Amino acid sequence: QVQLVESGGGLVQAGGSLSLSCTASGLLFTGNVMGWYRQVPGKQRELVADITILGRTNYAETVKGRFTISRDIAKNTVYLQMNSLKPEDTDVYYCNLRQVNYNYWGRGTQVTVSS
């Protein structure tokens, strides 16, 4: 019903920047929330940041002041600008869309920060 296609990510040195984007398609309802989660193998997936259709944002404490989430409503796209990256930000990042109490996930994109 809903497809999420991610792009971006890659390898960067500590202190550097990367950006992610995710475009949603399919049966989309107004009022959905889009965001990014990350997960290290063996650990629970955790919220990085999300943003409502009205632009209200929510960030994990560990990324506040370094990451910025935004979205283009017309393009059904959410962006994550990641600055001042740290090695502990290394993870697989998953795009998420939540609507009607259901979560949709992208396939994930690897972000690796070298020290």
C-alpha atoms as a PDB file:
ATOM      1  CA  GLN A   1       0.000   0.000   0.000  1.00  0.00           C
ATOM      2  CA  VAL A   2       2.784   2.412   0.893  1.00  0.00           C
ATOM      3  CA  GLN A   3       6.314   2.313  -0.456  1.00  0.00           C
ATOM      4  CA  LEU A   4       9.241   4.224   0.977  1.00  0.00           C
ATOM      5  CA  VAL A   5      12.377   4.749  -1.082  1.00  0.00           C
ATOM      6  CA  GLU A   6      15.449   6.042   0.724  1.00  0.00           C
ATOM      7  CA  SER A   7      18.563   7.625  -0.654  1.00  0.00           C
ATOM      8  CA  GLY A   8      21.692   9.094   0.816  1.00  0.00           C
ATOM      9  CA  GLY A   9      23.907   7.748   3.524  1.00  0.00           C
ATOM     10  CA  GLY A  10      27.418   6.410   3.064  1.00  0.00           C
ATOM     11  CA  LEU A  11      30.783   6.837   4.729  1.00  0.00           C
ATOM     12  CA  VAL A  12      32.031  10.048   6.314  1.00  0.00           C
ATOM     13  CA  GLN A  13      34.674  11.073   8.799  1.00  0.00           C
ATOM     14  CA  ALA A  14      33.757  12.227  12.266  1.00  0.00           C
ATOM     15  CA  GLY A  15      32.658  15.841  12.222  1.00  0.00           C
ATOM     16  CA  GLY A  16      31.366  15.566   8.693  1.00  0.00           C
ATOM     17  CA  SER A  17      27.857  15.762   7.277  1.00  0.00           C
ATOM     18  CA  LEU A  18      25.495  13.520   5.389  1.00  0.00           C
ATOM     19  CA  SER A  19      21.943  13.857   4.208  1.00  0.00           C
ATOM     20  CA  LEU A  20      19.195  11.312   3.777  1.00  0.00           C
ATOM     21  CA  SER A  21      15.961  11.539   1.864  1.00  0.00           C
ATOM     22  CA  CYS A  22      12.920   9.304   1.653  1.00  0.00           C
ATOM     23  CA  THR A  23      10.011   9.517  -0.756  1.00  0.00           C
ATOM     24  CA  ALA A  24       6.683   7.909  -0.033  1.00  0.00           C
ATOM     25  CA  SER A  25       4.228   6.656  -2.614  1.00  0.00           C
ATOM     26  CA  GLY A  26       1.014   4.686  -2.607  1.00  0.00           C
ATOM     27  CA  LEU A  27      -2.063   5.167  -0.470  1.00  0.00           C
ATOM     28  CA  LEU A  28      -1.196   8.152   1.687  1.00  0.00           C
ATOM     29  CA  PHE A  29      -3.531   9.810   4.127  1.00  0.00           C
ATOM     30  CA  THR A  30      -3.342  13.310   5.507  1.00  0.00           C
ATOM     31  CA  GLY A  31      -2.118  13.496   9.041  1.00  0.00           C
ATOM     32  CA  ASN A  32       0.687  11.006   8.594  1.00  0.00           C
ATOM     33  CA  VAL A  33       3.985  11.328  10.410  1.00  0.00           C
ATOM     34  CA  MET A  34       7.288  10.674   8.677  1.00  0.00           C
ATOM     35  CA  GLY A  35      10.587  10.113  10.338  1.00  0.00           C
ATOM     36  CA  TRP A  36      13.856   8.276  10.668  1.00  0.00           C
ATOM     37  CA  TYR A  37      14.870   5.467  12.971  1.00  0.00           C
ATOM     38  CA  ARG A  38      18.164   3.712  13.347  1.00  0.00           C
ATOM     39  CA  GLN A  39      19.193   0.266  14.426  1.00  0.00           C
ATOM     40  CA  VAL A  40      22.392  -1.527  15.205  1.00  0.00           C
ATOM     41  CA  PRO A  41      22.136  -5.311  14.730  1.00  0.00           C
ATOM     42  CA  GLY A  42      21.005  -6.909  17.957  1.00  0.00           C
ATOM     43  CA  LYS A  43      19.511  -3.726  19.333  1.00  0.00           C
ATOM     44  CA  GLN A  44      16.045  -2.244  19.244  1.00  0.00           C
ATOM     45  CA  ARG A  45      15.229   0.240  16.527  1.00  0.00           C
ATOM     46  CA  GLU A  46      15.216   3.746  17.997  1.00  0.00           C
ATOM     47  CA  LEU A  47      13.728   7.030  16.894  1.00  0.00           C
ATOM     48  CA  VAL A  48      16.116   9.582  15.456  1.00  0.00           C
ATOM     49  CA  ALA A  49      13.603  12.248  14.483  1.00  0.00           C
ATOM     50  CA  ASP A  50      10.118  12.588  13.111  1.00  0.00           C
ATOM     51  CA  ILE A  51       7.934  15.331  11.703  1.00  0.00           C
ATOM     52  CA  THR A  52       4.195  15.771  11.406  1.00  0.00           C
ATOM     53  CA  ILE A  53       2.288  17.041   8.413  1.00  0.00           C
ATOM     54  CA  LEU A  54       2.165  20.431  10.159  1.00  0.00           C
ATOM     55  CA  GLY A  55       5.907  20.519  10.625  1.00  0.00           C
ATOM     56  CA  ARG A  56       6.084  19.654  14.306  1.00  0.00           C
ATOM     57  CA  THR A  57       9.390  17.905  14.959  1.00  0.00           C
ATOM     58  CA  ASN A  58      10.650  15.472  17.550  1.00  0.00           C
ATOM     59  CA  TYR A  59      14.295  14.521  18.055  1.00  0.00           C
ATOM     60  CA  ALA A  60      16.216  11.989  20.061  1.00  0.00           C
ATOM     61  CA  GLU A  61      18.302  13.700  22.724  1.00  0.00           C
ATOM     62  CA  THR A  62      21.479  12.283  21.203  1.00  0.00           C
ATOM     63  CA  VAL A  63      20.978  14.140  17.911  1.00  0.00           C
ATOM     64  CA  LYS A  64      19.447  17.427  19.027  1.00  0.00           C
ATOM     65  CA  GLY A  65      21.377  20.382  17.669  1.00  0.00           C
ATOM     66  CA  ARG A  66      23.165  18.228  15.088  1.00  0.00           C
ATOM     67  CA  PHE A  67      20.421  16.706  12.952  1.00  0.00           C
ATOM     68  CA  THR A  68      17.585  18.502  11.207  1.00  0.00           C
ATOM     69  CA  ILE A  69      14.496  16.833   9.820  1.00  0.00           C
ATOM     70  CA  SER A  70      12.283  18.454   7.221  1.00  0.00           C
ATOM     71  CA  ARG A  71       9.670  17.411   4.717  1.00  0.00           C
ATOM     72  CA  ASP A  72       8.259  18.488   1.404  1.00  0.00           C
ATOM     73  CA  ILE A  73       4.537  17.798   1.531  1.00  0.00           C
ATOM     74  CA  ALA A  74       4.032  18.161  -2.207  1.00  0.00           C
ATOM     75  CA  LYS A  75       6.763  15.620  -2.928  1.00  0.00           C
ATOM     76  CA  ASN A  76       5.848  13.273  -0.054  1.00  0.00           C
ATOM     77  CA  THR A  77       9.509  13.408   0.903  1.00  0.00           C
ATOM     78  CA  VAL A  78      11.253  13.646   4.231  1.00  0.00           C
ATOM     79  CA  TYR A  79      14.855  14.726   4.652  1.00  0.00           C
ATOM     80  CA  LEU A  80      17.402  14.298   7.401  1.00  0.00           C
ATOM     81  CA  GLN A  81      20.406  16.587   7.447  1.00  0.00           C
ATOM     82  CA  MET A  82      23.082  15.174   9.726  1.00  0.00           C
ATOM     83  CA  ASN A  83      25.908  17.451  10.821  1.00  0.00           C
ATOM     84  CA  SER A  84      28.763  17.018  13.284  1.00  0.00           C
ATOM     85  CA  LEU A  85      28.526  13.279  12.876  1.00  0.00           C
ATOM     86  CA  LYS A  86      30.076  11.027  15.489  1.00  0.00           C
ATOM     87  CA  PRO A  87      31.224   7.400  15.252  1.00  0.00           C
ATOM     88  CA  GLU A  88      28.334   6.437  17.513  1.00  0.00           C
ATOM     89  CA  ASP A  89      25.950   7.644  14.815  1.00  0.00           C
ATOM     90  CA  THR A  90      27.011   4.652  12.733  1.00  0.00           C
ATOM     91  CA  ASP A  91      23.877   2.638  12.073  1.00  0.00           C
ATOM     92  CA  VAL A  92      21.385   1.523   9.498  1.00  0.00           C
ATOM     93  CA  TYR A  93      18.850   4.324   9.142  1.00  0.00           C
ATOM     94  CA  TYR A  94      15.262   3.457   8.305  1.00  0.00           C
ATOM     95  CA  CYS A  95      12.632   5.754   6.912  1.00  0.00           C
ATOM     96  CA  ASN A  96       9.273   5.465   8.657  1.00  0.00           C
ATOM     97  CA  LEU A  97       5.769   6.593   7.800  1.00  0.00           C
ATOM     98  CA  ARG A  98       3.044   6.223  10.375  1.00  0.00           C
ATOM     99  CA  GLN A  99      -0.615   6.571   9.481  1.00  0.00           C
ATOM    100  CA  VAL A 100      -3.841   5.119  10.747  1.00  0.00           C
ATOM    101  CA  ASN A 101      -1.903   3.430  13.559  1.00  0.00           C
ATOM    102  CA  TYR A 102       0.241   1.489  11.131  1.00  0.00           C
ATOM    103  CA  ASN A 103       3.959   1.771  10.512  1.00  0.00           C
ATOM    104  CA  TYR A 104       5.595   1.483   7.112  1.00  0.00           C
ATOM    105  CA  TRP A 105       9.337   1.076   6.745  1.00  0.00           C
ATOM    106  CA  GLY A 106      11.952   1.657   4.122  1.00  0.00           C
ATOM    107  CA  ARG A 107      14.656  -0.899   3.457  1.00  0.00           C
ATOM    108  CA  GLY A 108      17.271   1.061   5.346  1.00  0.00           C
ATOM    109  CA  THR A 109      20.434   2.877   4.361  1.00  0.00           C
ATOM    110  CA  GLN A 110      23.831   2.508   5.992  1.00  0.00           C
ATOM    111  CA  VAL A 111      25.525   5.472   7.630  1.00  0.00           C
ATOM    112  CA  THR A 112      29.100   4.904   8.717  1.00  0.00           C
ATOM    113  CA  VAL A 113      31.133   7.500  10.593  1.00  0.00           C
ATOM    114  CA  SER A 114      34.834   6.822  10.914  1.00  0.00           C
ATOM    115  CA  SER A 115      36.895   8.195  13.773  1.00  0.00           C
END
